[in-house]
Amino acid sequence: MTVISPLSVVQAQLDAYNAKDVDALLRTYAPDAEQFTLHGDLLARGHQQLRERFLARFEEPDLHARLVSRVVVGNIVADAELITRNFPEGLGTLEMLCVYEVVDGRIQRASFALGEKTLRALPPRATPAPACPL
Protein backbone atom coordinates (compact mmCIF):
# COMPACT_ATOMS: atom_id res chain seq x y z
CA MET A 1 0.00 0.00 0.00
CA THR A 2 1.36 3.40 -1.00
CA VAL A 3 1.19 6.09 1.66
CA ILE A 4 0.77 9.61 0.32
CA SER A 5 2.32 12.28 2.51
CA PRO A 6 0.15 15.19 3.67
CA LEU A 7 2.69 17.51 2.02
CA SER A 8 2.21 15.78 -1.36
CA VAL A 9 -1.58 15.93 -1.07
CA VAL A 10 -1.64 19.64 -0.26
CA GLN A 11 0.87 20.45 -3.01
CA ALA A 12 -1.27 18.51 -5.51
CA GLN A 13 -4.26 20.53 -4.29
CA LEU A 14 -2.40 23.83 -4.84
CA ASP A 15 -1.23 22.74 -8.30
CA ALA A 16 -4.76 21.71 -9.34
CA TYR A 17 -6.19 24.99 -7.96
CA ASN A 18 -3.74 27.05 -10.00
CA ALA A 19 -4.45 24.93 -13.09
CA LYS A 20 -8.21 25.45 -12.47
CA ASP A 21 -8.63 21.67 -12.78
CA VAL A 22 -11.67 21.01 -10.62
CA ASP A 23 -11.55 17.22 -11.07
CA ALA A 24 -7.89 16.96 -10.02
CA LEU A 25 -8.64 19.33 -7.15
CA LEU A 26 -11.54 17.21 -5.89
CA ARG A 27 -9.35 14.09 -6.02
CA THR A 28 -7.26 15.66 -3.23
CA TYR A 29 -10.35 15.99 -0.99
CA ALA A 30 -12.22 13.21 0.81
CA PRO A 31 -15.79 12.77 -0.53
CA ASP A 32 -17.19 14.12 2.77
CA ALA A 33 -14.51 16.82 3.24
CA GLU A 34 -15.44 20.07 4.93
CA GLN A 35 -14.20 23.64 4.53
CA PHE A 36 -14.54 26.24 7.26
CA THR A 37 -13.54 29.74 8.11
CA LEU A 38 -10.82 29.34 10.73
CA HIS A 39 -12.58 28.60 14.05
CA GLY A 40 -15.89 29.44 12.42
CA ASP A 41 -18.61 28.80 9.93
CA LEU A 42 -18.92 25.83 7.58
CA LEU A 43 -18.29 26.96 3.99
CA ALA A 44 -18.85 23.66 2.13
CA ARG A 45 -19.37 19.96 2.82
CA GLY A 46 -18.84 17.20 0.27
CA HIS A 47 -17.66 17.17 -3.30
CA GLN A 48 -20.79 18.78 -4.78
CA GLN A 49 -20.57 21.90 -2.60
CA LEU A 50 -16.78 22.04 -3.02
CA ARG A 51 -17.15 21.79 -6.82
CA GLU A 52 -19.63 24.69 -6.85
CA ARG A 53 -17.29 26.87 -4.76
CA PHE A 54 -14.25 26.06 -6.88
CA LEU A 55 -16.02 26.56 -10.22
CA ALA A 56 -17.34 29.95 -9.11
CA ARG A 57 -13.82 31.03 -8.11
CA PHE A 58 -12.32 29.65 -11.34
CA GLU A 59 -14.40 32.18 -13.30
CA GLU A 60 -11.82 34.79 -12.25
CA PRO A 61 -9.32 35.05 -15.13
CA ASP A 62 -6.36 36.13 -12.98
CA LEU A 63 -6.89 33.70 -10.10
CA HIS A 64 -3.59 32.36 -8.77
CA ALA A 65 -2.37 31.19 -5.37
CA ARG A 66 1.29 31.85 -4.55
CA LEU A 67 2.72 29.84 -1.68
CA VAL A 68 4.53 32.15 0.75
CA SER A 69 5.35 29.59 3.44
CA ARG A 70 4.37 26.10 4.54
CA VAL A 71 4.55 24.20 7.83
CA VAL A 72 3.85 20.49 8.19
CA VAL A 73 3.13 18.96 11.61
CA GLY A 74 2.02 15.34 11.39
CA ASN A 75 -1.07 15.24 9.19
CA ILE A 76 -1.67 19.00 9.39
CA VAL A 77 -0.35 21.32 6.67
CA ALA A 78 -0.56 25.09 7.11
CA ASP A 79 0.04 27.30 4.08
CA ALA A 80 0.41 31.06 4.01
CA GLU A 81 -0.62 32.13 0.54
CA LEU A 82 -1.02 35.30 -1.46
CA ILE A 83 -4.02 34.92 -3.75
CA THR A 84 -4.40 37.06 -6.87
CA ARG A 85 -8.11 37.72 -7.38
CA ASN A 86 -10.45 39.63 -9.66
CA PHE A 87 -12.47 41.55 -7.06
CA PRO A 88 -15.55 43.58 -8.09
CA GLU A 89 -13.50 46.72 -7.42
CA GLY A 90 -10.53 45.51 -9.48
CA LEU A 91 -7.51 43.22 -9.58
CA GLY A 92 -5.78 42.64 -6.28
CA THR A 93 -4.35 40.19 -3.80
CA LEU A 94 -5.58 38.60 -0.59
CA GLU A 95 -3.46 37.10 2.16
CA MET A 96 -4.74 33.73 3.35
CA LEU A 97 -3.84 31.18 5.97
CA CYS A 98 -4.97 27.73 4.85
CA VAL A 99 -4.91 24.85 7.34
CA TYR A 100 -5.45 21.36 5.92
CA GLU A 101 -6.02 18.12 7.84
CA VAL A 102 -5.07 15.13 5.70
CA VAL A 103 -6.54 11.71 6.55
CA ASP A 104 -5.89 8.57 4.49
CA GLY A 105 -4.24 10.53 1.69
CA ARG A 106 -7.00 13.12 1.22
CA ILE A 107 -7.92 16.46 2.70
CA GLN A 108 -10.63 15.83 5.28
CA ARG A 109 -10.93 19.34 6.69
CA ALA A 110 -9.69 22.74 5.54
CA SER A 111 -9.95 26.03 7.38
CA PHE A 112 -9.19 29.46 6.00
CA ALA A 113 -8.34 32.80 7.59
CA LEU A 114 -8.39 35.92 5.46
CA GLY A 115 -5.73 38.56 5.83
CA GLU A 116 -5.10 41.86 4.11
CA LYS A 117 -6.76 42.62 0.79
CA THR A 118 -4.77 44.91 -1.50
CA LEU A 119 -6.03 46.35 -4.76
CA ARG A 120 -3.54 47.01 -7.52
CA ALA A 121 -3.26 50.63 -8.54
CA LEU A 122 -4.65 51.36 -11.96
CA PRO A 123 -2.12 52.58 -14.51
CA PRO A 124 -2.28 56.35 -14.94
CA ARG A 125 -4.53 57.50 -17.73
CA ALA A 126 -2.83 59.02 -20.69
CA THR A 127 -3.50 62.74 -20.87
CA PRO A 128 -3.74 64.18 -24.32
CA ALA A 129 -0.94 66.57 -25.21
CA PRO A 130 -2.02 70.21 -25.22
CA ALA A 131 -2.91 71.53 -28.62
CA CYS A 132 -0.17 73.51 -30.30
CA PRO A 133 -1.18 77.05 -31.13
CA LEU A 134 -0.78 77.82 -34.82
C-alpha atoms as a PDB file:
ATOM      1  CA  MET A   1       0.000   0.000   0.000  1.00  0.00           C
ATOM      2  CA  THR A   2       1.363   3.401  -1.003  1.00  0.00           C
ATOM      3  CA  VAL A   3       1.194   6.089   1.658  1.00  0.00           C
ATOM      4  CA  ILE A   4       0.769   9.607   0.320  1.00  0.00           C
ATOM      5  CA  SER A   5       2.316  12.278   2.507  1.00  0.00           C
ATOM      6  CA  PRO A   6       0.151  15.194   3.672  1.00  0.00           C
ATOM      7  CA  LEU A   7       2.691  17.506   2.024  1.00  0.00           C
ATOM      8  CA  SER A   8       2.205  15.785  -1.360  1.00  0.00           C
ATOM      9  CA  VAL A   9      -1.578  15.931  -1.070  1.00  0.00           C
ATOM     10  CA  VAL A  10      -1.642  19.645  -0.263  1.00  0.00           C
ATOM     11  CA  GLN A  11       0.873  20.446  -3.011  1.00  0.00           C
ATOM     12  CA  ALA A  12      -1.271  18.508  -5.514  1.00  0.00           C
ATOM     13  CA  GLN A  13      -4.257  20.534  -4.290  1.00  0.00           C
ATOM     14  CA  LEU A  14      -2.402  23.826  -4.838  1.00  0.00           C
ATOM     15  CA  ASP A  15      -1.230  22.742  -8.301  1.00  0.00           C
ATOM     16  CA  ALA A  16      -4.763  21.712  -9.335  1.00  0.00           C
ATOM     17  CA  TYR A  17      -6.192  24.992  -7.964  1.00  0.00           C
ATOM     18  CA  ASN A  18      -3.736  27.048 -10.002  1.00  0.00           C
ATOM     19  CA  ALA A  19      -4.453  24.926 -13.089  1.00  0.00           C
ATOM     20  CA  LYS A  20      -8.208  25.447 -12.468  1.00  0.00           C
ATOM     21  CA  ASP A  21      -8.625  21.667 -12.784  1.00  0.00           C
ATOM     22  CA  VAL A  22     -11.672  21.009 -10.621  1.00  0.00           C
ATOM     23  CA  ASP A  23     -11.554  17.220 -11.068  1.00  0.00           C
ATOM     24  CA  ALA A  24      -7.894  16.962 -10.019  1.00  0.00           C
ATOM     25  CA  LEU A  25      -8.643  19.327  -7.147  1.00  0.00           C
ATOM     26  CA  LEU A  26     -11.545  17.215  -5.891  1.00  0.00           C
ATOM     27  CA  ARG A  27      -9.352  14.093  -6.016  1.00  0.00           C
ATOM     28  CA  THR A  28      -7.256  15.661  -3.235  1.00  0.00           C
ATOM     29  CA  TYR A  29     -10.349  15.993  -0.995  1.00  0.00           C
ATOM     30  CA  ALA A  30     -12.222  13.215   0.807  1.00  0.00           C
ATOM     31  CA  PRO A  31     -15.793  12.773  -0.526  1.00  0.00           C
ATOM     32  CA  ASP A  32     -17.186  14.124   2.769  1.00  0.00           C
ATOM     33  CA  ALA A  33     -14.509  16.817   3.238  1.00  0.00           C
ATOM     34  CA  GLU A  34     -15.440  20.070   4.926  1.00  0.00           C
ATOM     35  CA  GLN A  35     -14.204  23.637   4.525  1.00  0.00           C
ATOM     36  CA  PHE A  36     -14.541  26.243   7.261  1.00  0.00           C
ATOM     37  CA  THR A  37     -13.542  29.739   8.112  1.00  0.00           C
ATOM     38  CA  LEU A  38     -10.815  29.341  10.734  1.00  0.00           C
ATOM     39  CA  HIS A  39     -12.584  28.602  14.051  1.00  0.00           C
ATOM     40  CA  GLY A  40     -15.885  29.445  12.421  1.00  0.00           C
ATOM     41  CA  ASP A  41     -18.612  28.797   9.925  1.00  0.00           C
ATOM     42  CA  LEU A  42     -18.915  25.835   7.582  1.00  0.00           C
ATOM     43  CA  LEU A  43     -18.290  26.963   3.988  1.00  0.00           C
ATOM     44  CA  ALA A  44     -18.846  23.662   2.131  1.00  0.00           C
ATOM     45  CA  ARG A  45     -19.367  19.958   2.822  1.00  0.00           C
ATOM     46  CA  GLY A  46     -18.835  17.199   0.272  1.00  0.00           C
ATOM     47  CA  HIS A  47     -17.657  17.166  -3.302  1.00  0.00           C
ATOM     48  CA  GLN A  48     -20.788  18.781  -4.776  1.00  0.00           C
ATOM     49  CA  GLN A  49     -20.565  21.902  -2.598  1.00  0.00           C
ATOM     50  CA  LEU A  50     -16.779  22.036  -3.020  1.00  0.00           C
ATOM     51  CA  ARG A  51     -17.151  21.794  -6.817  1.00  0.00           C
ATOM     52  CA  GLU A  52     -19.629  24.690  -6.845  1.00  0.00           C
ATOM     53  CA  ARG A  53     -17.286  26.874  -4.757  1.00  0.00           C
ATOM     54  CA  PHE A  54     -14.246  26.058  -6.881  1.00  0.00           C
ATOM     55  CA  LEU A  55     -16.017  26.559 -10.220  1.00  0.00           C
ATOM     56  CA  ALA A  56     -17.336  29.952  -9.110  1.00  0.00           C
ATOM     57  CA  ARG A  57     -13.818  31.033  -8.113  1.00  0.00           C
ATOM     58  CA  PHE A  58     -12.317  29.648 -11.340  1.00  0.00           C
ATOM     59  CA  GLU A  59     -14.404  32.178 -13.300  1.00  0.00           C
ATOM     60  CA  GLU A  60     -11.818  34.788 -12.246  1.00  0.00           C
ATOM     61  CA  PRO A  61      -9.321  35.049 -15.129  1.00  0.00           C
ATOM     62  CA  ASP A  62      -6.357  36.130 -12.984  1.00  0.00           C
ATOM     63  CA  LEU A  63      -6.890  33.705 -10.096  1.00  0.00           C
ATOM     64  CA  HIS A  64      -3.592  32.359  -8.773  1.00  0.00           C
ATOM     65  CA  ALA A  65      -2.366  31.190  -5.365  1.00  0.00           C
ATOM     66  CA  ARG A  66       1.287  31.846  -4.548  1.00  0.00           C
ATOM     67  CA  LEU A  67       2.721  29.840  -1.682  1.00  0.00           C
ATOM     68  CA  VAL A  68       4.529  32.155   0.746  1.00  0.00           C
ATOM     69  CA  SER A  69       5.354  29.588   3.439  1.00  0.00           C
ATOM     70  CA  ARG A  70       4.368  26.103   4.539  1.00  0.00           C
ATOM     71  CA  VAL A  71       4.546  24.204   7.832  1.00  0.00           C
ATOM     72  CA  VAL A  72       3.846  20.493   8.194  1.00  0.00           C
ATOM     73  CA  VAL A  73       3.131  18.959  11.608  1.00  0.00           C
ATOM     74  CA  GLY A  74       2.016  15.341  11.392  1.00  0.00           C
ATOM     75  CA  ASN A  75      -1.073  15.235   9.189  1.00  0.00           C
ATOM     76  CA  ILE A  76      -1.669  19.001   9.395  1.00  0.00           C
ATOM     77  CA  VAL A  77      -0.353  21.318   6.673  1.00  0.00           C
ATOM     78  CA  ALA A  78      -0.565  25.095   7.108  1.00  0.00           C
ATOM     79  CA  ASP A  79       0.035  27.297   4.077  1.00  0.00           C
ATOM     80  CA  ALA A  80       0.408  31.060   4.012  1.00  0.00           C
ATOM     81  CA  GLU A  81      -0.622  32.133   0.536  1.00  0.00           C
ATOM     82  CA  LEU A  82      -1.018  35.299  -1.464  1.00  0.00           C
ATOM     83  CA  ILE A  83      -4.019  34.918  -3.751  1.00  0.00           C
ATOM     84  CA  THR A  84      -4.404  37.056  -6.867  1.00  0.00           C
ATOM     85  CA  ARG A  85      -8.112  37.716  -7.377  1.00  0.00           C
ATOM     86  CA  ASN A  86     -10.449  39.627  -9.657  1.00  0.00           C
ATOM     87  CA  PHE A  87     -12.473  41.555  -7.063  1.00  0.00           C
ATOM     88  CA  PRO A  88     -15.547  43.579  -8.089  1.00  0.00           C
ATOM     89  CA  GLU A  89     -13.497  46.724  -7.422  1.00  0.00           C
ATOM     90  CA  GLY A  90     -10.531  45.505  -9.477  1.00  0.00           C
ATOM     91  CA  LEU A  91      -7.509  43.223  -9.579  1.00  0.00           C
ATOM     92  CA  GLY A  92      -5.777  42.635  -6.281  1.00  0.00           C
ATOM     93  CA  THR A  93      -4.349  40.191  -3.796  1.00  0.00           C
ATOM     94  CA  LEU A  94      -5.584  38.600  -0.595  1.00  0.00           C
ATOM     95  CA  GLU A  95      -3.459  37.095   2.160  1.00  0.00           C
ATOM     96  CA  MET A  96      -4.736  33.725   3.346  1.00  0.00           C
ATOM     97  CA  LEU A  97      -3.837  31.179   5.967  1.00  0.00           C
ATOM     98  CA  CYS A  98      -4.970  27.726   4.849  1.00  0.00           C
ATOM     99  CA  VAL A  99      -4.915  24.848   7.344  1.00  0.00           C
ATOM    100  CA  TYR A 100      -5.447  21.356   5.922  1.00  0.00           C
ATOM    101  CA  GLU A 101      -6.016  18.124   7.838  1.00  0.00           C
ATOM    102  CA  VAL A 102      -5.072  15.131   5.698  1.00  0.00           C
ATOM    103  CA  VAL A 103      -6.545  11.710   6.547  1.00  0.00           C
ATOM    104  CA  ASP A 104      -5.888   8.566   4.494  1.00  0.00           C
ATOM    105  CA  GLY A 105      -4.239  10.532   1.686  1.00  0.00           C
ATOM    106  CA  ARG A 106      -6.997  13.117   1.222  1.00  0.00           C
ATOM    107  CA  ILE A 107      -7.916  16.461   2.704  1.00  0.00           C
ATOM    108  CA  GLN A 108     -10.627  15.830   5.280  1.00  0.00           C
ATOM    109  CA  ARG A 109     -10.933  19.344   6.688  1.00  0.00           C
ATOM    110  CA  ALA A 110      -9.689  22.736   5.541  1.00  0.00           C
ATOM    111  CA  SER A 111      -9.945  26.025   7.379  1.00  0.00           C
ATOM    112  CA  PHE A 112      -9.187  29.462   6.003  1.00  0.00           C
ATOM    113  CA  ALA A 113      -8.337  32.799   7.595  1.00  0.00           C
ATOM    114  CA  LEU A 114      -8.392  35.921   5.458  1.00  0.00           C
ATOM    115  CA  GLY A 115      -5.726  38.558   5.826  1.00  0.00           C
ATOM    116  CA  GLU A 116      -5.102  41.858   4.108  1.00  0.00           C
ATOM    117  CA  LYS A 117      -6.761  42.622   0.790  1.00  0.00           C
ATOM    118  CA  THR A 118      -4.768  44.906  -1.501  1.00  0.00           C
ATOM    119  CA  LEU A 119      -6.031  46.353  -4.757  1.00  0.00           C
ATOM    120  CA  ARG A 120      -3.542  47.013  -7.521  1.00  0.00           C
ATOM    121  CA  ALA A 121      -3.260  50.631  -8.543  1.00  0.00           C
ATOM    122  CA  LEU A 122      -4.653  51.358 -11.964  1.00  0.00           C
ATOM    123  CA  PRO A 123      -2.123  52.576 -14.509  1.00  0.00           C
ATOM    124  CA  PRO A 124      -2.285  56.354 -14.937  1.00  0.00           C
ATOM    125  CA  ARG A 125      -4.529  57.499 -17.729  1.00  0.00           C
ATOM    126  CA  ALA A 126      -2.831  59.022 -20.687  1.00  0.00           C
ATOM    127  CA  THR A 127      -3.505  62.743 -20.870  1.00  0.00           C
ATOM    128  CA  PRO A 128      -3.743  64.184 -24.323  1.00  0.00           C
ATOM    129  CA  ALA A 129      -0.940  66.575 -25.208  1.00  0.00           C
ATOM    130  CA  PRO A 130      -2.020  70.212 -25.223  1.00  0.00           C
ATOM    131  CA  ALA A 131      -2.912  71.533 -28.625  1.00  0.00           C
ATOM    132  CA  CYS A 132      -0.167  73.508 -30.301  1.00  0.00           C
ATOM    133  CA  PRO A 133      -1.181  77.045 -31.134  1.00  0.00           C
ATOM    134  CA  LEU A 134      -0.780  77.820 -34.822  1.00  0.00           C
END
